[in-house]
PDB file of N, CA and C in Angstrom:
ATOM      1  N   MET A   1     -60.096 130.890  67.968  1.00  0.00           N
ATOM      2  CA  MET A   1     -60.143 131.425  66.529  1.00  0.00           C
ATOM      3  C   MET A   1     -61.169 132.271  66.262  1.00  0.00           C
ATOM      4  N   ALA A   2     -61.947 132.372  66.777  1.00  0.00           N
ATOM      5  CA  ALA A   2     -63.121 133.036  66.489  1.00  0.00           C
ATOM      6  C   ALA A   2     -62.773 134.548  66.944  1.00  0.00           C
ATOM      7  N   GLY A   3     -61.878 134.970  67.676  1.00  0.00           N
ATOM      8  CA  GLY A   3     -61.137 136.218  68.290  1.00  0.00           C
ATOM      9  C   GLY A   3     -60.351 136.449  67.186  1.00  0.00           C
ATOM     10  N   SER A   4     -59.499 135.704  67.150  1.00  0.00           N
ATOM     11  CA  SER A   4     -58.773 136.013  66.198  1.00  0.00           C
ATOM     12  C   SER A   4     -59.394 136.453  64.595  1.00  0.00           C
ATOM     13  N   GLN A   5     -60.198 135.940  64.423  1.00  0.00           N
ATOM     14  CA  GLN A   5     -60.991 135.851  63.264  1.00  0.00           C
ATOM     15  C   GLN A   5     -61.731 137.210  63.262  1.00  0.00           C
ATOM     16  N   ALA A   6     -62.093 137.940  64.661  1.00  0.00           N
ATOM     17  CA  ALA A   6     -63.031 139.091  64.326  1.00  0.00           C
ATOM     18  C   ALA A   6     -61.840 140.254  64.453  1.00  0.00           C
ATOM     19  N   THR A   7     -60.622 139.861  65.127  1.00  0.00           N
ATOM     20  CA  THR A   7     -59.792 140.947  64.568  1.00  0.00           C
ATOM     21  C   THR A   7     -59.345 141.029  63.377  1.00  0.00           C
ATOM     22  N   MET A   8     -59.309 140.538  62.485  1.00  0.00           N
ATOM     23  CA  MET A   8     -58.680 140.148  61.158  1.00  0.00           C
ATOM     24  C   MET A   8     -59.949 140.913  60.387  1.00  0.00           C
ATOM     25  N   ASP A   9     -61.147 141.111  60.677  1.00  0.00           N
ATOM     26  CA  ASP A   9     -62.129 141.684  60.112  1.00  0.00           C
ATOM     27  C   ASP A   9     -62.136 143.232  60.137  1.00  0.00           C
ATOM     28  N   ARG A  10     -62.136 143.726  61.235  1.00  0.00           N
ATOM     29  CA  ARG A  10     -61.721 145.239  61.591  1.00  0.00           C
ATOM     30  C   ARG A  10     -60.618 145.539  60.888  1.00  0.00           C
ATOM     31  N   PRO A  11     -60.771 146.895  60.497  1.00  0.00           N
ATOM     32  CA  PRO A  11     -59.607 147.502  59.480  1.00  0.00           C
ATOM     33  C   PRO A  11     -58.444 148.311  60.444  1.00  0.00           C
ATOM     34  N   MET A  12     -57.265 147.976  60.211  1.00  0.00           N
ATOM     35  CA  MET A  12     -56.094 148.307  61.120  1.00  0.00           C
ATOM     36  C   MET A  12     -56.308 150.335  61.352  1.00  0.00           C
ATOM     37  N   ALA A  13     -55.782 150.408  62.379  1.00  0.00           N
ATOM     38  CA  ALA A  13     -55.686 152.039  62.594  1.00  0.00           C
ATOM     39  C   ALA A  13     -54.874 152.656  61.934  1.00  0.00           C
ATOM     40  N   GLN A  14     -54.645 153.880  61.365  1.00  0.00           N
ATOM     41  CA  GLN A  14     -54.338 154.528  60.526  1.00  0.00           C
ATOM     42  C   GLN A  14     -53.386 155.291  61.440  1.00  0.00           C
ATOM     43  N   ARG A  15     -51.678 155.211  61.299  1.00  0.00           N
ATOM     44  CA  ARG A  15     -51.249 156.037  61.969  1.00  0.00           C
ATOM     45  C   ARG A  15     -51.106 157.608  61.730  1.00  0.00           C
ATOM     46  N   ASP A  16     -50.931 158.792  62.902  1.00  0.00           N
ATOM     47  CA  ASP A  16     -51.304 159.959  62.677  1.00  0.00           C
ATOM     48  C   ASP A  16     -49.708 160.330  62.318  1.00  0.00           C
ATOM     49  N   THR A  17     -49.477 160.895  60.967  1.00  0.00           N
ATOM     50  CA  THR A  17     -48.689 161.332  60.657  1.00  0.00           C
ATOM     51  C   THR A  17     -48.104 162.838  60.961  1.00  0.00           C
ATOM     52  N   ASN A  18     -49.223 163.356  61.761  1.00  0.00           N
ATOM     53  CA  ASN A  18     -48.935 164.755  62.240  1.00  0.00           C
ATOM     54  C   ASN A  18     -47.959 165.044  63.807  1.00  0.00           C
ATOM     55  N   LYS A  19     -48.241 163.289  64.542  1.00  0.00           N
ATOM     56  CA  LYS A  19     -47.144 163.432  65.590  1.00  0.00           C
ATOM     57  C   LYS A  19     -46.188 163.656  65.404  1.00  0.00           C
ATOM     58  N   ALA A  20     -45.192 164.618  66.651  1.00  0.00           N
ATOM     59  CA  ALA A  20     -43.942 164.904  66.465  1.00  0.00           C
ATOM     60  C   ALA A  20     -43.174 163.246  66.864  1.00  0.00           C
ATOM     61  N   LYS A  21     -41.851 163.129  65.957  1.00  0.00           N
ATOM     62  CA  LYS A  21     -41.531 161.858  66.542  1.00  0.00           C
ATOM     63  C   LYS A  21     -40.422 162.331  67.467  1.00  0.00           C
ATOM     64  N   ARG A  22     -39.590 161.483  68.182  1.00  0.00           N
ATOM     65  CA  ARG A  22     -39.112 161.933  69.197  1.00  0.00           C
ATOM     66  C   ARG A  22     -37.353 162.373  68.726  1.00  0.00           C
ATOM     67  N   ALA A  23     -36.987 161.917  67.858  1.00  0.00           N
ATOM     68  CA  ALA A  23     -35.882 162.198  66.991  1.00  0.00           C
ATOM     69  C   ALA A  23     -35.772 163.620  66.126  1.00  0.00           C
ATOM     70  N   SER A  24     -37.439 164.275  66.047  1.00  0.00           N
ATOM     71  CA  SER A  24     -37.102 165.072  65.466  1.00  0.00           C
ATOM     72  C   SER A  24     -37.159 166.619  66.138  1.00  0.00           C
ATOM     73  N   ALA A  25     -37.162 166.625  67.509  1.00  0.00           N
ATOM     74  CA  ALA A  25     -37.250 167.494  68.296  1.00  0.00           C
ATOM     75  C   ALA A  25     -35.653 168.187  68.196  1.00  0.00           C
ATOM     76  N   PRO A  26     -34.489 167.003  68.458  1.00  0.00           N
ATOM     77  CA  PRO A  26     -32.945 167.254  68.757  1.00  0.00           C
ATOM     78  C   PRO A  26     -32.877 167.665  67.385  1.00  0.00           C
ATOM     79  N   ARG A  27     -33.461 167.248  66.380  1.00  0.00           N
ATOM     80  CA  ARG A  27     -32.734 167.770  64.895  1.00  0.00           C
ATOM     81  C   ARG A  27     -33.188 168.753  64.559  1.00  0.00           C
ATOM     82  N   ALA A  28     -34.545 169.394  64.586  1.00  0.00           N
ATOM     83  CA  ALA A  28     -34.476 170.550  64.764  1.00  0.00           C
ATOM     84  C   ALA A  28     -34.096 171.601  65.620  1.00  0.00           C
ATOM     85  N   ALA A  29     -33.310 171.562  66.653  1.00  0.00           N
ATOM     86  CA  ALA A  29     -32.513 172.201  67.427  1.00  0.00           C
ATOM     87  C   ALA A  29     -31.138 172.075  66.651  1.00  0.00           C
ATOM     88  N   VAL A  30     -30.556 170.988  66.076  1.00  0.00           N
ATOM     89  CA  VAL A  30     -29.323 170.796  65.444  1.00  0.00           C
ATOM     90  C   VAL A  30     -29.217 171.826  64.337  1.00  0.00           C
ATOM     91  N   ALA A  31     -30.664 171.855  63.672  1.00  0.00           N
ATOM     92  CA  ALA A  31     -30.673 172.317  62.354  1.00  0.00           C
ATOM     93  C   ALA A  31     -30.872 173.718  62.645  1.00  0.00           C
ATOM     94  N   SER A  32     -31.422 174.559  63.835  1.00  0.00           N
ATOM     95  CA  SER A  32     -31.553 175.557  64.180  1.00  0.00           C
ATOM     96  C   SER A  32     -30.198 176.356  64.186  1.00  0.00           C
ATOM     97  N   HIS A  33     -29.776 175.503  65.143  1.00  0.00           N
ATOM     98  CA  HIS A  33     -28.062 175.962  65.460  1.00  0.00           C
ATOM     99  C   HIS A  33     -26.941 176.221  64.227  1.00  0.00           C
ATOM    100  N   ARG A  34     -27.469 175.172  63.258  1.00  0.00           N
ATOM    101  CA  ARG A  34     -26.576 175.505  62.251  1.00  0.00           C
ATOM    102  C   ARG A  34     -26.839 176.206  61.553  1.00  0.00           C
ATOM    103  N   ALA A  35     -28.066 176.467  61.210  1.00  0.00           N
ATOM    104  CA  ALA A  35     -28.467 177.772  60.649  1.00  0.00           C
ATOM    105  C   ALA A  35     -28.245 179.612  61.361  1.00  0.00           C
ATOM    106  N   VAL A  36     -28.326 179.411  62.494  1.00  0.00           N
ATOM    107  CA  VAL A  36     -27.215 180.548  63.393  1.00  0.00           C
ATOM    108  C   VAL A  36     -26.256 180.567  63.009  1.00  0.00           C
ATOM    109  N   SER A  37     -25.301 179.406  63.407  1.00  0.00           N
ATOM    110  CA  SER A  37     -24.013 179.212  62.912  1.00  0.00           C
ATOM    111  C   SER A  37     -23.974 179.603  61.363  1.00  0.00           C
ATOM    112  N   ASN A  38     -24.307 179.226  60.457  1.00  0.00           N
ATOM    113  CA  ASN A  38     -24.062 179.839  59.232  1.00  0.00           C
ATOM    114  C   ASN A  38     -24.193 181.114  58.762  1.00  0.00           C
ATOM    115  N   ARG A  39     -25.322 181.542  59.479  1.00  0.00           N
ATOM    116  CA  ARG A  39     -25.662 183.144  59.559  1.00  0.00           C
ATOM    117  C   ARG A  39     -24.620 183.771  60.171  1.00  0.00           C
ATOM    118  N   VAL A  40     -23.579 183.618  61.340  1.00  0.00           N
ATOM    119  CA  VAL A  40     -22.619 184.041  61.730  1.00  0.00           C
ATOM    120  C   VAL A  40     -21.294 184.119  60.858  1.00  0.00           C
ATOM    121  N   GLU A  41     -21.179 182.967  60.525  1.00  0.00           N
ATOM    122  CA  GLU A  41     -20.277 182.923  59.235  1.00  0.00           C
ATOM    123  C   GLU A  41     -20.365 183.615  58.332  1.00  0.00           C
ATOM    124  N   ALA A  42     -21.126 183.544  57.834  1.00  0.00           N
ATOM    125  CA  ALA A  42     -21.640 184.370  56.269  1.00  0.00           C
ATOM    126  C   ALA A  42     -21.620 186.125  56.750  1.00  0.00           C
ATOM    127  N   ALA A  43     -21.831 186.251  57.994  1.00  0.00           N
ATOM    128  CA  ALA A  43     -21.553 187.800  58.188  1.00  0.00           C
ATOM    129  C   ALA A  43     -20.225 187.906  58.614  1.00  0.00           C
ATOM    130  N   SER A  44     -19.278 187.338  58.939  1.00  0.00           N
ATOM    131  CA  SER A  44     -18.247 187.119  58.991  1.00  0.00           C
ATOM    132  C   SER A  44     -17.618 187.288  57.858  1.00  0.00           C
ATOM    133  N   ASP A  45     -17.422 186.397  57.075  1.00  0.00           N
ATOM    134  CA  ASP A  45     -17.383 186.413  55.832  1.00  0.00           C
ATOM    135  C   ASP A  45     -17.564 187.378  54.844  1.00  0.00           C
ATOM    136  N   ALA A  46     -18.632 187.785  55.028  1.00  0.00           N
ATOM    137  CA  ALA A  46     -18.976 189.106  54.451  1.00  0.00           C
ATOM    138  C   ALA A  46     -18.184 190.338  54.942  1.00  0.00           C
ATOM    139  N   GLY A  47     -18.211 190.411  56.450  1.00  0.00           N
ATOM    140  CA  GLY A  47     -17.194 191.548  56.893  1.00  0.00           C
ATOM    141  C   GLY A  47     -15.725 191.566  56.577  1.00  0.00           C
ATOM    142  N   ALA A  48     -15.114 190.274  56.261  1.00  0.00           N
ATOM    143  CA  ALA A  48     -13.701 190.420  55.929  1.00  0.00           C
ATOM    144  C   ALA A  48     -13.771 190.381  54.327  1.00  0.00           C
ATOM    145  N   ARG A  49     -15.118 189.947  53.514  1.00  0.00           N
ATOM    146  CA  ARG A  49     -14.918 190.586  52.363  1.00  0.00           C
ATOM    147  C   ARG A  49     -15.058 192.269  52.000  1.00  0.00           C
ATOM    148  N   ILE A  50     -15.866 192.826  53.005  1.00  0.00           N
ATOM    149  CA  ILE A  50     -15.927 194.016  52.873  1.00  0.00           C
ATOM    150  C   ILE A  50     -14.638 194.980  53.125  1.00  0.00           C
ATOM    151  N   ASP A  51     -13.649 194.297  53.787  1.00  0.00           N
ATOM    152  CA  ASP A  51     -12.644 194.939  54.130  1.00  0.00           C
ATOM    153  C   ASP A  51     -11.678 194.501  53.067  1.00  0.00           C
ATOM    154  N   GLY A  52     -11.441 193.342  52.620  1.00  0.00           N
ATOM    155  CA  GLY A  52     -10.832 193.304  51.656  1.00  0.00           C
ATOM    156  C   GLY A  52     -10.980 194.405  50.321  1.00  0.00           C
ATOM    157  N   LEU A  53     -12.638 194.528  49.803  1.00  0.00           N
ATOM    158  CA  LEU A  53     -12.982 195.266  49.197  1.00  0.00           C
ATOM    159  C   LEU A  53     -12.463 196.754  49.057  1.00  0.00           C
ATOM    160  N   LEU A  54     -12.532 197.274  50.558  1.00  0.00           N
ATOM    161  CA  LEU A  54     -11.766 198.570  51.066  1.00  0.00           C
ATOM    162  C   LEU A  54     -10.603 198.807  50.829  1.00  0.00           C
ATOM    163  N   ALA A  55      -9.662 197.830  50.930  1.00  0.00           N
ATOM    164  CA  ALA A  55      -7.993 197.684  51.021  1.00  0.00           C
ATOM    165  C   ALA A  55      -8.056 197.865  49.366  1.00  0.00           C
ATOM    166  N   GLU A  56      -8.828 196.915  48.554  1.00  0.00           N
ATOM    167  CA  GLU A  56      -8.467 197.229  46.934  1.00  0.00           C
ATOM    168  C   GLU A  56      -8.826 198.695  46.739  1.00  0.00           C
ATOM    169  N   ILE A  57     -10.183 199.351  47.150  1.00  0.00           N
ATOM    170  CA  ILE A  57     -10.670 200.869  46.461  1.00  0.00           C
ATOM    171  C   ILE A  57      -9.370 201.681  46.774  1.00  0.00           C
ATOM    172  N   SER A  58      -8.800 201.144  47.834  1.00  0.00           N
ATOM    173  CA  SER A  58      -7.562 202.167  48.729  1.00  0.00           C
ATOM    174  C   SER A  58      -6.336 202.231  47.831  1.00  0.00           C
ATOM    175  N   SER A  59      -5.949 200.604  47.356  1.00  0.00           N
ATOM    176  CA  SER A  59      -5.211 200.570  46.511  1.00  0.00           C
ATOM    177  C   SER A  59      -4.960 200.926  45.261  1.00  0.00           C
ATOM    178  N   LEU A  60      -6.314 200.828  44.410  1.00  0.00           N
ATOM    179  CA  LEU A  60      -6.929 201.418  43.278  1.00  0.00           C
ATOM    180  C   LEU A  60      -6.722 202.825  43.193  1.00  0.00           C
ATOM    181  N   LYS A  61      -7.088 203.611  44.280  1.00  0.00           N
ATOM    182  CA  LYS A  61      -7.153 205.065  44.152  1.00  0.00           C
ATOM    183  C   LYS A  61      -5.637 205.508  44.259  1.00  0.00           C
ATOM    184  N   THR A  62      -4.748 205.027  45.083  1.00  0.00           N
ATOM    185  CA  THR A  62      -3.130 205.260  44.773  1.00  0.00           C
ATOM    186  C   THR A  62      -2.941 204.905  43.458  1.00  0.00           C
ATOM    187  N   GLN A  63      -3.421 203.890  42.989  1.00  0.00           N
ATOM    188  CA  GLN A  63      -2.383 203.846  41.479  1.00  0.00           C
ATOM    189  C   GLN A  63      -3.166 204.738  40.312  1.00  0.00           C
ATOM    190  N   LEU A  64      -4.121 205.139  40.782  1.00  0.00           N
ATOM    191  CA  LEU A  64      -4.879 205.877  39.860  1.00  0.00           C
ATOM    192  C   LEU A  64      -4.322 207.590  40.038  1.00  0.00           C
ATOM    193  N   ALA A  65      -4.125 207.813  41.425  1.00  0.00           N
ATOM    194  CA  ALA A  65      -3.123 209.046  41.748  1.00  0.00           C
ATOM    195  C   ALA A  65      -1.765 209.298  40.808  1.00  0.00           C
ATOM    196  N   ALA A  66      -1.286 207.966  41.111  1.00  0.00           N
ATOM    197  CA  ALA A  66       0.103 207.584  40.547  1.00  0.00           C
ATOM    198  C   ALA A  66       0.143 207.697  38.880  1.00  0.00           C
ATOM    199  N   THR A  67      -1.106 207.141  38.159  1.00  0.00           N
ATOM    200  CA  THR A  67      -1.501 207.204  36.847  1.00  0.00           C
ATOM    201  C   THR A  67      -1.609 208.670  36.415  1.00  0.00           C
ATOM    202  N   GLU A  68      -2.545 209.553  37.225  1.00  0.00           N
ATOM    203  CA  GLU A  68      -2.930 210.469  36.656  1.00  0.00           C
ATOM    204  C   GLU A  68      -1.718 211.505  36.480  1.00  0.00           C
ATOM    205  N   GLN A  69      -0.714 211.642  37.661  1.00  0.00           N
ATOM    206  CA  GLN A  69       0.732 212.141  37.722  1.00  0.00           C
ATOM    207  C   GLN A  69       1.351 211.603  36.434  1.00  0.00           C
ATOM    208  N   LYS A  70       1.717 210.598  36.310  1.00  0.00           N
ATOM    209  CA  LYS A  70       2.397 210.018  34.999  1.00  0.00           C
ATOM    210  C   LYS A  70       1.848 210.712  33.854  1.00  0.00           C
ATOM    211  N   LEU A  71       0.485 210.792  33.955  1.00  0.00           N
ATOM    212  CA  LEU A  71      -0.261 211.514  32.727  1.00  0.00           C
ATOM    213  C   LEU A  71       0.132 212.576  32.372  1.00  0.00           C
ATOM    214  N   ALA A  72       0.366 213.529  33.556  1.00  0.00           N
ATOM    215  CA  ALA A  72       0.475 215.086  33.313  1.00  0.00           C
ATOM    216  C   ALA A  72       1.963 215.106  32.883  1.00  0.00           C
ATOM    217  N   GLU A  73       2.913 214.229  33.818  1.00  0.00           N
ATOM    218  CA  GLU A  73       4.147 214.580  33.224  1.00  0.00           C
ATOM    219  C   GLU A  73       4.118 214.074  31.763  1.00  0.00           C
ATOM    220  N   LEU A  74       3.801 212.891  30.609  1.00  0.00           N
ATOM    221  CA  LEU A  74       3.626 212.678  29.780  1.00  0.00           C
ATOM    222  C   LEU A  74       3.327 213.541  28.912  1.00  0.00           C
ATOM    223  N   GLU A  75       2.327 214.236  28.943  1.00  0.00           N
ATOM    224  CA  GLU A  75       1.885 215.401  28.487  1.00  0.00           C
ATOM    225  C   GLU A  75       2.474 216.740  28.538  1.00  0.00           C
ATOM    226  N   SER A  76       3.369 217.024  29.675  1.00  0.00           N
ATOM    227  CA  SER A  76       4.239 217.945  29.311  1.00  0.00           C
ATOM    228  C   SER A  76       5.693 217.860  28.530  1.00  0.00           C
ATOM    229  N   GLN A  77       5.910 216.516  28.446  1.00  0.00           N
ATOM    230  CA  GLN A  77       6.656 216.144  27.808  1.00  0.00           C
ATOM    231  C   GLN A  77       6.359 216.188  25.981  1.00  0.00           C
ATOM    232  N   ARG A  78       5.535 215.637  26.007  1.00  0.00           N
ATOM    233  CA  ARG A  78       4.626 216.090  24.627  1.00  0.00           C
ATOM    234  C   ARG A  78       4.794 217.274  24.105  1.00  0.00           C
ATOM    235  N   ILE A  79       4.315 218.433  25.012  1.00  0.00           N
ATOM    236  CA  ILE A  79       4.202 219.701  24.554  1.00  0.00           C
ATOM    237  C   ILE A  79       5.674 220.367  24.423  1.00  0.00           C
ATOM    238  N   GLU A  80       6.467 219.780  25.450  1.00  0.00           N
ATOM    239  CA  GLU A  80       7.743 220.415  24.918  1.00  0.00           C
ATOM    240  C   GLU A  80       8.327 219.843  23.679  1.00  0.00           C
ATOM    241  N   ALA A  81       8.194 218.347  23.549  1.00  0.00           N
ATOM    242  CA  ALA A  81       8.882 218.140  22.328  1.00  0.00           C
ATOM    243  C   ALA A  81       8.274 218.782  21.116  1.00  0.00           C
ATOM    244  N   LEU A  82       6.887 219.160  21.182  1.00  0.00           N
ATOM    245  CA  LEU A  82       6.501 219.858  20.235  1.00  0.00           C
ATOM    246  C   LEU A  82       6.782 221.019  19.816  1.00  0.00           C
ATOM    247  N   ASN A  83       7.361 221.780  20.769  1.00  0.00           N
ATOM    248  CA  ASN A  83       7.768 223.032  20.964  1.00  0.00           C
ATOM    249  C   ASN A  83       9.049 223.225  20.415  1.00  0.00           C
ATOM    250  N   ARG A  84       9.884 222.004  20.393  1.00  0.00           N
ATOM    251  CA  ARG A  84      11.399 221.833  20.155  1.00  0.00           C
ATOM    252  C   ARG A  84      10.991 221.768  18.597  1.00  0.00           C
ATOM    253  N   ILE A  85      10.494 221.037  18.026  1.00  0.00           N
ATOM    254  CA  ILE A  85      10.125 220.709  16.464  1.00  0.00           C
ATOM    255  C   ILE A  85       9.733 222.137  15.766  1.00  0.00           C
ATOM    256  N   ASP A  86       8.762 222.678  16.700  1.00  0.00           N
ATOM    257  CA  ASP A  86       8.355 224.002  16.333  1.00  0.00           C
ATOM    258  C   ASP A  86       9.785 224.844  15.884  1.00  0.00           C
ATOM    259  N   TRP A  87      10.491 225.131  17.029  1.00  0.00           N
ATOM    260  CA  TRP A  87      11.240 226.127  16.966  1.00  0.00           C
ATOM    261  C   TRP A  87      12.421 225.005  15.893  1.00  0.00           C
ATOM    262  N   VAL A  88      12.387 223.919  15.542  1.00  0.00           N
ATOM    263  CA  VAL A  88      13.483 223.697  14.472  1.00  0.00           C
ATOM    264  C   VAL A  88      13.189 223.911  13.417  1.00  0.00           C
ATOM    265  N   VAL A  89      11.613 223.830  13.178  1.00  0.00           N
ATOM    266  CA  VAL A  89      11.169 224.103  11.939  1.00  0.00           C
ATOM    267  C   VAL A  89      11.299 225.742  11.598  1.00  0.00           C
ATOM    268  N   ASP A  90      10.700 226.776  12.644  1.00  0.00           N
ATOM    269  CA  ASP A  90      10.932 227.782  12.166  1.00  0.00           C
ATOM    270  C   ASP A  90      12.436 228.607  11.968  1.00  0.00           C
ATOM    271  N   SER A  91      13.277 227.657  12.685  1.00  0.00           N
ATOM    272  CA  SER A  91      14.811 227.883  12.420  1.00  0.00           C
ATOM    273  C   SER A  91      15.246 227.535  10.934  1.00  0.00           C
ATOM    274  N   LEU A  92      14.616 226.110  10.397  1.00  0.00           N
ATOM    275  CA  LEU A  92      14.965 226.147   8.928  1.00  0.00           C
ATOM    276  C   LEU A  92      14.176 227.102   8.105  1.00  0.00           C
ATOM    277  N   HIS A  93      13.262 227.781   8.618  1.00  0.00           N
ATOM    278  CA  HIS A  93      12.693 228.378   7.453  1.00  0.00           C
ATOM    279  C   HIS A  93      13.231 229.890   7.468  1.00  0.00           C
ATOM    280  N   ASN A  94      13.661 230.149   8.420  1.00  0.00           N
ATOM    281  CA  ASN A  94      14.313 231.534   8.781  1.00  0.00           C
ATOM    282  C   ASN A  94      15.939 231.222   8.110  1.00  0.00           C
ATOM    283  N   LEU A  95      16.530 230.468   8.047  1.00  0.00           N
ATOM    284  CA  LEU A  95      17.699 229.830   7.180  1.00  0.00           C
ATOM    285  C   LEU A  95      17.149 229.716   5.938  1.00  0.00           C
ATOM    286  N   LEU A  96      16.241 229.333   5.358  1.00  0.00           N
ATOM    287  CA  LEU A  96      15.591 229.408   3.867  1.00  0.00           C
ATOM    288  C   LEU A  96      15.416 230.662   3.403  1.00  0.00           C
ATOM    289  N   ASP A  97      14.908 231.695   4.349  1.00  0.00           N
ATOM    290  CA  ASP A  97      14.331 232.812   3.846  1.00  0.00           C
ATOM    291  C   ASP A  97      16.018 233.621   3.656  1.00  0.00           C
ATOM    292  N   ARG A  98      16.590 233.387   4.404  1.00  0.00           N
ATOM    293  CA  ARG A  98      17.889 234.170   4.396  1.00  0.00           C
ATOM    294  C   ARG A  98      18.982 233.939   3.156  1.00  0.00           C
ATOM    295  N   GLU A  99      18.967 232.570   2.901  1.00  0.00           N
ATOM    296  CA  GLU A  99      19.430 232.228   1.847  1.00  0.00           C
ATOM    297  C   GLU A  99      18.840 232.218   0.411  1.00  0.00           C
ATOM    298  N   GLY A 100      17.472 232.449   0.378  1.00  0.00           N
ATOM    299  CA  GLY A 100      16.167 232.619  -0.630  1.00  0.00           C
ATOM    300  C   GLY A 100      16.909 234.259  -1.064  1.00  0.00           C
TER     301      GLY A 100
END
């Protein structure tokens, strides 16, 4: 009993928390692999996104060109309609002047 009493009087040894654990090395490798995998996946997602955006830009440019062409046609039709109205108004003025 004297021996066990002596061990109880001594403080317990503190565990060194800085020591690497056996399971932490494989976890670090898995985490590193996941990080690389995530970066590769993000890069491929970014590439796909860029391709999608480029396709959308091309489509929008085509739509813009078609809209600008339609706008030019409508402007031409508007000018033509105004010219016809002017012609009718002038013709009516001429008829009134002859009768008056």
